[in-house]
Amino acid sequence: MADTKPEKPALVLHLATGGEPLLFALPTEGVGELSTRLSELVRTGAVETVKTKEGSDVTINVAHIAVAYTDDLNRKGKVFGLH
């Protein structure tokens, strides 16, 4: 039986200094656009403001981020890079 849970998109940020990743719940609209811009943001070390699912604005200094990606928080038991 297929998993019927709705997607729970999130922005996942791994700081360059280590530690636990930062997770920000995102609204479903606009996730694709953000996903395509992430690689450029990390390459340039830009400062970016992202709207969270709750409507808050989070400003991120991407120069301090080692890895950034969007993911579905409903997926369980996966290892990054292995699907």
PDB file of N, CA and C in Angstrom:
ATOM      1  N   MET A   1       0.839  -1.170   0.000  1.00  0.00           N
ATOM      2  CA  MET A   1       0.000   0.000   0.000  1.00  0.00           C
ATOM      3  C   MET A   1       0.891   1.242   0.000  1.00  0.00           C
ATOM      4  N   ALA A   2       0.572   2.173  -0.837  1.00  0.00           N
ATOM      5  CA  ALA A   2       1.379   3.387  -0.965  1.00  0.00           C
ATOM      6  C   ALA A   2       1.174   4.291   0.238  1.00  0.00           C
ATOM      7  N   ASP A   3       2.232   5.012   0.561  1.00  0.00           N
ATOM      8  CA  ASP A   3       2.173   5.967   1.663  1.00  0.00           C
ATOM      9  C   ASP A   3       1.321   7.153   1.220  1.00  0.00           C
ATOM     10  N   THR A   4       0.257   7.471   1.962  1.00  0.00           N
ATOM     11  CA  THR A   4      -0.654   8.536   1.562  1.00  0.00           C
ATOM     12  C   THR A   4      -0.494   9.795   2.406  1.00  0.00           C
ATOM     13  N   LYS A   5       0.535   9.865   3.227  1.00  0.00           N
ATOM     14  CA  LYS A   5       0.764  11.062   4.030  1.00  0.00           C
ATOM     15  C   LYS A   5       1.120  12.224   3.111  1.00  0.00           C
ATOM     16  N   PRO A   6       0.593  13.405   3.390  1.00  0.00           N
ATOM     17  CA  PRO A   6       0.969  14.565   2.572  1.00  0.00           C
ATOM     18  C   PRO A   6       2.433  14.919   2.795  1.00  0.00           C
ATOM     19  N   GLU A   7       3.021  15.511   1.789  1.00  0.00           N
ATOM     20  CA  GLU A   7       4.420  15.919   1.924  1.00  0.00           C
ATOM     21  C   GLU A   7       4.564  16.997   2.989  1.00  0.00           C
ATOM     22  N   LYS A   8       5.676  16.934   3.698  1.00  0.00           N
ATOM     23  CA  LYS A   8       6.030  17.959   4.679  1.00  0.00           C
ATOM     24  C   LYS A   8       7.403  18.491   4.284  1.00  0.00           C
ATOM     25  N   PRO A   9       7.436  19.422   3.321  1.00  0.00           N
ATOM     26  CA  PRO A   9       8.734  19.908   2.850  1.00  0.00           C
ATOM     27  C   PRO A   9       9.466  20.712   3.921  1.00  0.00           C
ATOM     28  N   ALA A  10      10.776  20.578   3.896  1.00  0.00           N
ATOM     29  CA  ALA A  10      11.617  21.301   4.844  1.00  0.00           C
ATOM     30  C   ALA A  10      12.931  21.689   4.184  1.00  0.00           C
ATOM     31  N   LEU A  11      13.476  22.779   4.648  1.00  0.00           N
ATOM     32  CA  LEU A  11      14.814  23.190   4.269  1.00  0.00           C
ATOM     33  C   LEU A  11      15.750  22.621   5.320  1.00  0.00           C
ATOM     34  N   VAL A  12      16.768  21.892   4.877  1.00  0.00           N
ATOM     35  CA  VAL A  12      17.730  21.267   5.776  1.00  0.00           C
ATOM     36  C   VAL A  12      19.076  21.951   5.551  1.00  0.00           C
ATOM     37  N   LEU A  13      19.633  22.483   6.629  1.00  0.00           N
ATOM     38  CA  LEU A  13      20.913  23.191   6.559  1.00  0.00           C
ATOM     39  C   LEU A  13      21.915  22.539   7.496  1.00  0.00           C
ATOM     40  N   HIS A  14      23.056  22.153   6.958  1.00  0.00           N
ATOM     41  CA  HIS A  14      24.158  21.622   7.763  1.00  0.00           C
ATOM     42  C   HIS A  14      25.204  22.726   7.865  1.00  0.00           C
ATOM     43  N   LEU A  15      25.460  23.178   9.079  1.00  0.00           N
ATOM     44  CA  LEU A  15      26.423  24.250   9.286  1.00  0.00           C
ATOM     45  C   LEU A  15      27.847  23.767   8.998  1.00  0.00           C
ATOM     46  N   ALA A  16      28.664  24.655   8.488  1.00  0.00           N
ATOM     47  CA  ALA A  16      30.059  24.322   8.191  1.00  0.00           C
ATOM     48  C   ALA A  16      30.831  23.970   9.457  1.00  0.00           C
ATOM     49  N   THR A  17      30.387  24.463  10.602  1.00  0.00           N
ATOM     50  CA  THR A  17      31.068  24.197  11.863  1.00  0.00           C
ATOM     51  C   THR A  17      30.642  22.887  12.515  1.00  0.00           C
ATOM     52  N   GLY A  18      29.694  22.183  11.905  1.00  0.00           N
ATOM     53  CA  GLY A  18      29.241  20.897  12.437  1.00  0.00           C
ATOM     54  C   GLY A  18      28.009  21.043  13.307  1.00  0.00           C
ATOM     55  N   GLY A  19      27.704  19.979  14.036  1.00  0.00           N
ATOM     56  CA  GLY A  19      26.524  19.968  14.885  1.00  0.00           C
ATOM     57  C   GLY A  19      25.313  19.413  14.152  1.00  0.00           C
ATOM     58  N   GLU A  20      24.186  19.448  14.836  1.00  0.00           N
ATOM     59  CA  GLU A  20      22.944  18.941  14.254  1.00  0.00           C
ATOM     60  C   GLU A  20      22.470  19.865  13.133  1.00  0.00           C
ATOM     61  N   PRO A  21      21.835  19.299  12.091  1.00  0.00           N
ATOM     62  CA  PRO A  21      21.311  20.152  11.021  1.00  0.00           C
ATOM     63  C   PRO A  21      20.145  21.003  11.518  1.00  0.00           C
ATOM     64  N   LEU A  22      19.968  22.137  10.885  1.00  0.00           N
ATOM     65  CA  LEU A  22      18.831  23.009  11.152  1.00  0.00           C
ATOM     66  C   LEU A  22      17.718  22.652  10.181  1.00  0.00           C
ATOM     67  N   LEU A  23      16.495  22.511  10.673  1.00  0.00           N
ATOM     68  CA  LEU A  23      15.347  22.156   9.846  1.00  0.00           C
ATOM     69  C   LEU A  23      14.310  23.266   9.922  1.00  0.00           C
ATOM     70  N   PHE A  24      13.826  23.693   8.765  1.00  0.00           N
ATOM     71  CA  PHE A  24      12.788  24.709   8.698  1.00  0.00           C
ATOM     72  C   PHE A  24      11.648  24.169   7.844  1.00  0.00           C
ATOM     73  N   ALA A  25      10.456  24.031   8.435  1.00  0.00           N
ATOM     74  CA  ALA A  25       9.287  23.593   7.672  1.00  0.00           C
ATOM     75  C   ALA A  25       8.948  24.669   6.644  1.00  0.00           C
ATOM     76  N   LEU A  26       8.632  24.217   5.420  1.00  0.00           N
ATOM     77  CA  LEU A  26       8.351  25.135   4.323  1.00  0.00           C
ATOM     78  C   LEU A  26       6.933  24.944   3.811  1.00  0.00           C
ATOM     79  N   PRO A  27       6.341  25.996   3.256  1.00  0.00           N
ATOM     80  CA  PRO A  27       5.063  25.807   2.573  1.00  0.00           C
ATOM     81  C   PRO A  27       5.310  25.020   1.288  1.00  0.00           C
ATOM     82  N   THR A  28       4.329  24.273   0.830  1.00  0.00           N
ATOM     83  CA  THR A  28       4.541  23.440  -0.363  1.00  0.00           C
ATOM     84  C   THR A  28       4.781  24.271  -1.612  1.00  0.00           C
ATOM     85  N   GLU A  29       4.167  25.442  -1.699  1.00  0.00           N
ATOM     86  CA  GLU A  29       4.393  26.284  -2.870  1.00  0.00           C
ATOM     87  C   GLU A  29       5.758  26.957  -2.764  1.00  0.00           C
ATOM     88  N   GLY A  30       6.494  26.956  -3.849  1.00  0.00           N
ATOM     89  CA  GLY A  30       7.796  27.597  -3.885  1.00  0.00           C
ATOM     90  C   GLY A  30       8.970  26.718  -3.519  1.00  0.00           C
ATOM     91  N   VAL A  31       8.716  25.474  -3.089  1.00  0.00           N
ATOM     92  CA  VAL A  31       9.819  24.584  -2.696  1.00  0.00           C
ATOM     93  C   VAL A  31      10.697  24.246  -3.902  1.00  0.00           C
ATOM     94  N   GLY A  32      10.073  23.992  -5.037  1.00  0.00           N
ATOM     95  CA  GLY A  32      10.846  23.661  -6.237  1.00  0.00           C
ATOM     96  C   GLY A  32      11.781  24.773  -6.643  1.00  0.00           C
ATOM     97  N   GLU A  33      11.302  25.997  -6.586  1.00  0.00           N
ATOM     98  CA  GLU A  33      12.132  27.148  -6.946  1.00  0.00           C
ATOM     99  C   GLU A  33      13.303  27.296  -5.976  1.00  0.00           C
ATOM    100  N   LEU A  34      13.027  27.142  -4.686  1.00  0.00           N
ATOM    101  CA  LEU A  34      14.102  27.233  -3.695  1.00  0.00           C
ATOM    102  C   LEU A  34      15.128  26.121  -3.922  1.00  0.00           C
ATOM    103  N   SER A  35      14.661  24.927  -4.192  1.00  0.00           N
ATOM    104  CA  SER A  35      15.569  23.788  -4.423  1.00  0.00           C
ATOM    105  C   SER A  35      16.530  24.064  -5.568  1.00  0.00           C
ATOM    106  N   THR A  36      16.026  24.666  -6.643  1.00  0.00           N
ATOM    107  CA  THR A  36      16.894  24.935  -7.791  1.00  0.00           C
ATOM    108  C   THR A  36      17.885  26.060  -7.507  1.00  0.00           C
ATOM    109  N   ARG A  37      17.562  26.974  -6.594  1.00  0.00           N
ATOM    110  CA  ARG A  37      18.459  28.086  -6.266  1.00  0.00           C
ATOM    111  C   ARG A  37      19.493  27.744  -5.212  1.00  0.00           C
ATOM    112  N   LEU A  38      19.294  26.658  -4.458  1.00  0.00           N
ATOM    113  CA  LEU A  38      20.188  26.355  -3.335  1.00  0.00           C
ATOM    114  C   LEU A  38      21.651  26.207  -3.739  1.00  0.00           C
ATOM    115  N   SER A  39      21.913  25.514  -4.835  1.00  0.00           N
ATOM    116  CA  SER A  39      23.316  25.309  -5.214  1.00  0.00           C
ATOM    117  C   SER A  39      24.008  26.638  -5.515  1.00  0.00           C
ATOM    118  N   GLU A  40      23.312  27.550  -6.170  1.00  0.00           N
ATOM    119  CA  GLU A  40      23.896  28.863  -6.464  1.00  0.00           C
ATOM    120  C   GLU A  40      24.099  29.661  -5.171  1.00  0.00           C
ATOM    121  N   LEU A  41      23.149  29.580  -4.248  1.00  0.00           N
ATOM    122  CA  LEU A  41      23.285  30.287  -2.978  1.00  0.00           C
ATOM    123  C   LEU A  41      24.497  29.796  -2.193  1.00  0.00           C
ATOM    124  N   VAL A  42      24.701  28.479  -2.166  1.00  0.00           N
ATOM    125  CA  VAL A  42      25.852  27.922  -1.441  1.00  0.00           C
ATOM    126  C   VAL A  42      27.152  28.305  -2.134  1.00  0.00           C
ATOM    127  N   ARG A  43      27.162  28.252  -3.464  1.00  0.00           N
ATOM    128  CA  ARG A  43      28.375  28.619  -4.212  1.00  0.00           C
ATOM    129  C   ARG A  43      28.782  30.064  -3.971  1.00  0.00           C
ATOM    130  N   THR A  44      27.807  30.963  -3.903  1.00  0.00           N
ATOM    131  CA  THR A  44      28.123  32.388  -3.779  1.00  0.00           C
ATOM    132  C   THR A  44      28.185  32.866  -2.334  1.00  0.00           C
ATOM    133  N   GLY A  45      27.728  32.047  -1.385  1.00  0.00           N
ATOM    134  CA  GLY A  45      27.727  32.449   0.017  1.00  0.00           C
ATOM    135  C   GLY A  45      26.793  33.614   0.278  1.00  0.00           C
ATOM    136  N   ALA A  46      25.679  33.625  -0.409  1.00  0.00           N
ATOM    137  CA  ALA A  46      24.723  34.728  -0.329  1.00  0.00           C
ATOM    138  C   ALA A  46      23.986  34.750   1.006  1.00  0.00           C
ATOM    139  N   VAL A  47      23.282  35.836   1.223  1.00  0.00           N
ATOM    140  CA  VAL A  47      22.346  35.940   2.336  1.00  0.00           C
ATOM    141  C   VAL A  47      20.954  35.856   1.719  1.00  0.00           C
ATOM    142  N   GLU A  48      20.136  34.958   2.231  1.00  0.00           N
ATOM    143  CA  GLU A  48      18.821  34.692   1.644  1.00  0.00           C
ATOM    144  C   GLU A  48      17.763  34.669   2.740  1.00  0.00           C
ATOM    145  N   THR A  49      16.596  35.230   2.442  1.00  0.00           N
ATOM    146  CA  THR A  49      15.463  35.169   3.357  1.00  0.00           C
ATOM    147  C   THR A  49      14.464  34.157   2.815  1.00  0.00           C
ATOM    148  N   VAL A  50      14.055  33.237   3.682  1.00  0.00           N
ATOM    149  CA  VAL A  50      13.134  32.157   3.314  1.00  0.00           C
ATOM    150  C   VAL A  50      11.891  32.272   4.183  1.00  0.00           C
ATOM    151  N   LYS A  51      10.725  32.129   3.568  1.00  0.00           N
ATOM    152  CA  LYS A  51       9.451  32.144   4.299  1.00  0.00           C
ATOM    153  C   LYS A  51       9.163  30.727   4.780  1.00  0.00           C
ATOM    154  N   THR A  52       8.923  30.558   6.084  1.00  0.00           N
ATOM    155  CA  THR A  52       8.624  29.236   6.644  1.00  0.00           C
ATOM    156  C   THR A  52       7.136  28.936   6.511  1.00  0.00           C
ATOM    157  N   LYS A  53       6.788  27.692   6.802  1.00  0.00           N
ATOM    158  CA  LYS A  53       5.393  27.266   6.736  1.00  0.00           C
ATOM    159  C   LYS A  53       4.517  28.079   7.685  1.00  0.00           C
ATOM    160  N   GLU A  54       5.067  28.479   8.817  1.00  0.00           N
ATOM    161  CA  GLU A  54       4.324  29.247   9.813  1.00  0.00           C
ATOM    162  C   GLU A  54       4.205  30.720   9.439  1.00  0.00           C
ATOM    163  N   GLY A  55       4.848  31.131   8.338  1.00  0.00           N
ATOM    164  CA  GLY A  55       4.774  32.515   7.892  1.00  0.00           C
ATOM    165  C   GLY A  55       5.897  33.401   8.379  1.00  0.00           C
ATOM    166  N   SER A  56       6.846  32.848   9.093  1.00  0.00           N
ATOM    167  CA  SER A  56       7.993  33.628   9.566  1.00  0.00           C
ATOM    168  C   SER A  56       9.018  33.780   8.451  1.00  0.00           C
ATOM    169  N   ASP A  57       9.770  34.854   8.485  1.00  0.00           N
ATOM    170  CA  ASP A  57      10.890  35.050   7.581  1.00  0.00           C
ATOM    171  C   ASP A  57      12.165  34.665   8.318  1.00  0.00           C
ATOM    172  N   VAL A  58      12.957  33.775   7.719  1.00  0.00           N
ATOM    173  CA  VAL A  58      14.237  33.355   8.283  1.00  0.00           C
ATOM    174  C   VAL A  58      15.326  33.814   7.324  1.00  0.00           C
ATOM    175  N   THR A  59      16.236  34.635   7.815  1.00  0.00           N
ATOM    176  CA  THR A  59      17.341  35.108   6.982  1.00  0.00           C
ATOM    177  C   THR A  59      18.564  34.265   7.283  1.00  0.00           C
ATOM    178  N   ILE A  60      19.146  33.704   6.219  1.00  0.00           N
ATOM    179  CA  ILE A  60      20.234  32.735   6.340  1.00  0.00           C
ATOM    180  C   ILE A  60      21.482  33.294   5.670  1.00  0.00           C
ATOM    181  N   ASN A  61      22.588  33.323   6.414  1.00  0.00           N
ATOM    182  CA  ASN A  61      23.881  33.672   5.833  1.00  0.00           C
ATOM    183  C   ASN A  61      24.469  32.363   5.307  1.00  0.00           C
ATOM    184  N   VAL A  62      24.300  32.133   4.030  1.00  0.00           N
ATOM    185  CA  VAL A  62      24.657  30.848   3.427  1.00  0.00           C
ATOM    186  C   VAL A  62      26.167  30.618   3.432  1.00  0.00           C
ATOM    187  N   ALA A  63      26.951  31.649   3.694  1.00  0.00           N
ATOM    188  CA  ALA A  63      28.409  31.482   3.777  1.00  0.00           C
ATOM    189  C   ALA A  63      28.796  30.534   4.907  1.00  0.00           C
ATOM    190  N   HIS A  64      27.918  30.321   5.874  1.00  0.00           N
ATOM    191  CA  HIS A  64      28.196  29.443   7.010  1.00  0.00           C
ATOM    192  C   HIS A  64      27.601  28.047   6.851  1.00  0.00           C
ATOM    193  N   ILE A  65      27.051  27.753   5.672  1.00  0.00           N
ATOM    194  CA  ILE A  65      26.382  26.480   5.418  1.00  0.00           C
ATOM    195  C   ILE A  65      27.286  25.587   4.566  1.00  0.00           C
ATOM    196  N   ALA A  66      27.464  24.345   4.998  1.00  0.00           N
ATOM    197  CA  ALA A  66      28.251  23.384   4.222  1.00  0.00           C
ATOM    198  C   ALA A  66      27.363  22.658   3.219  1.00  0.00           C
ATOM    199  N   VAL A  67      26.163  22.279   3.642  1.00  0.00           N
ATOM    200  CA  VAL A  67      25.225  21.535   2.793  1.00  0.00           C
ATOM    201  C   VAL A  67      23.831  22.085   3.015  1.00  0.00           C
ATOM    202  N   ALA A  68      23.100  22.310   1.919  1.00  0.00           N
ATOM    203  CA  ALA A  68      21.714  22.777   2.004  1.00  0.00           C
ATOM    204  C   ALA A  68      20.880  22.008   0.994  1.00  0.00           C
ATOM    205  N   TYR A  69      19.714  21.527   1.430  1.00  0.00           N
ATOM    206  CA  TYR A  69      18.812  20.829   0.521  1.00  0.00           C
ATOM    207  C   TYR A  69      17.398  20.864   1.072  1.00  0.00           C
ATOM    208  N   THR A  70      16.437  20.587   0.215  1.00  0.00           N
ATOM    209  CA  THR A  70      15.055  20.439   0.663  1.00  0.00           C
ATOM    210  C   THR A  70      14.745  18.958   0.736  1.00  0.00           C
ATOM    211  N   ASP A  71      13.883  18.601   1.667  1.00  0.00           N
ATOM    212  CA  ASP A  71      13.540  17.198   1.874  1.00  0.00           C
ATOM    213  C   ASP A  71      12.099  17.105   2.366  1.00  0.00           C
ATOM    214  N   ASP A  72      11.561  15.899   2.340  1.00  0.00           N
ATOM    215  CA  ASP A  72      10.223  15.627   2.847  1.00  0.00           C
ATOM    216  C   ASP A  72      10.381  15.000   4.227  1.00  0.00           C
ATOM    217  N   LEU A  73       9.890  15.665   5.256  1.00  0.00           N
ATOM    218  CA  LEU A  73      10.053  15.171   6.624  1.00  0.00           C
ATOM    219  C   LEU A  73       9.247  13.915   6.909  1.00  0.00           C
ATOM    220  N   ASN A  74       8.315  13.553   6.024  1.00  0.00           N
ATOM    221  CA  ASN A  74       7.538  12.327   6.222  1.00  0.00           C
ATOM    222  C   ASN A  74       8.321  11.070   5.871  1.00  0.00           C
ATOM    223  N   ARG A  75       9.386  11.200   5.103  1.00  0.00           N
ATOM    224  CA  ARG A  75      10.168  10.016   4.744  1.00  0.00           C
ATOM    225  C   ARG A  75      10.993   9.586   5.938  1.00  0.00           C
ATOM    226  N   LYS A  76      10.896   8.315   6.262  1.00  0.00           N
ATOM    227  CA  LYS A  76      11.623   7.792   7.413  1.00  0.00           C
ATOM    228  C   LYS A  76      12.534   6.659   6.976  1.00  0.00           C
ATOM    229  N   GLY A  77      13.571   6.428   7.743  1.00  0.00           N
ATOM    230  CA  GLY A  77      14.444   5.284   7.501  1.00  0.00           C
ATOM    231  C   GLY A  77      15.283   5.412   6.244  1.00  0.00           C
ATOM    232  N   LYS A  78      15.628   6.625   5.877  1.00  0.00           N
ATOM    233  CA  LYS A  78      16.481   6.779   4.694  1.00  0.00           C
ATOM    234  C   LYS A  78      17.839   7.313   5.103  1.00  0.00           C
ATOM    235  N   VAL A  79      18.805   7.028   4.307  1.00  0.00           N
ATOM    236  CA  VAL A  79      20.144   7.527   4.512  1.00  0.00           C
ATOM    237  C   VAL A  79      20.420   8.510   3.404  1.00  0.00           C
ATOM    238  N   PHE A  80      20.968   9.677   3.734  1.00  0.00           N
ATOM    239  CA  PHE A  80      21.252  10.690   2.716  1.00  0.00           C
ATOM    240  C   PHE A  80      22.071  10.082   1.588  1.00  0.00           C
ATOM    241  N   GLY A  81      21.596  10.277   0.368  1.00  0.00           N
ATOM    242  CA  GLY A  81      22.303   9.773  -0.810  1.00  0.00           C
ATOM    243  C   GLY A  81      21.917   8.373  -1.223  1.00  0.00           C
ATOM    244  N   LEU A  82      21.201   7.642  -0.397  1.00  0.00           N
ATOM    245  CA  LEU A  82      20.764   6.285  -0.739  1.00  0.00           C
ATOM    246  C   LEU A  82      19.242   6.260  -0.779  1.00  0.00           C
ATOM    247  N   HIS A  83      18.675   5.913  -1.927  1.00  0.00           N
ATOM    248  CA  HIS A  83      17.206   5.901  -2.031  1.00  0.00           C
ATOM    249  C   HIS A  83      16.706   4.513  -2.315  1.00  0.00           C
TER     250      HIS A  83
END
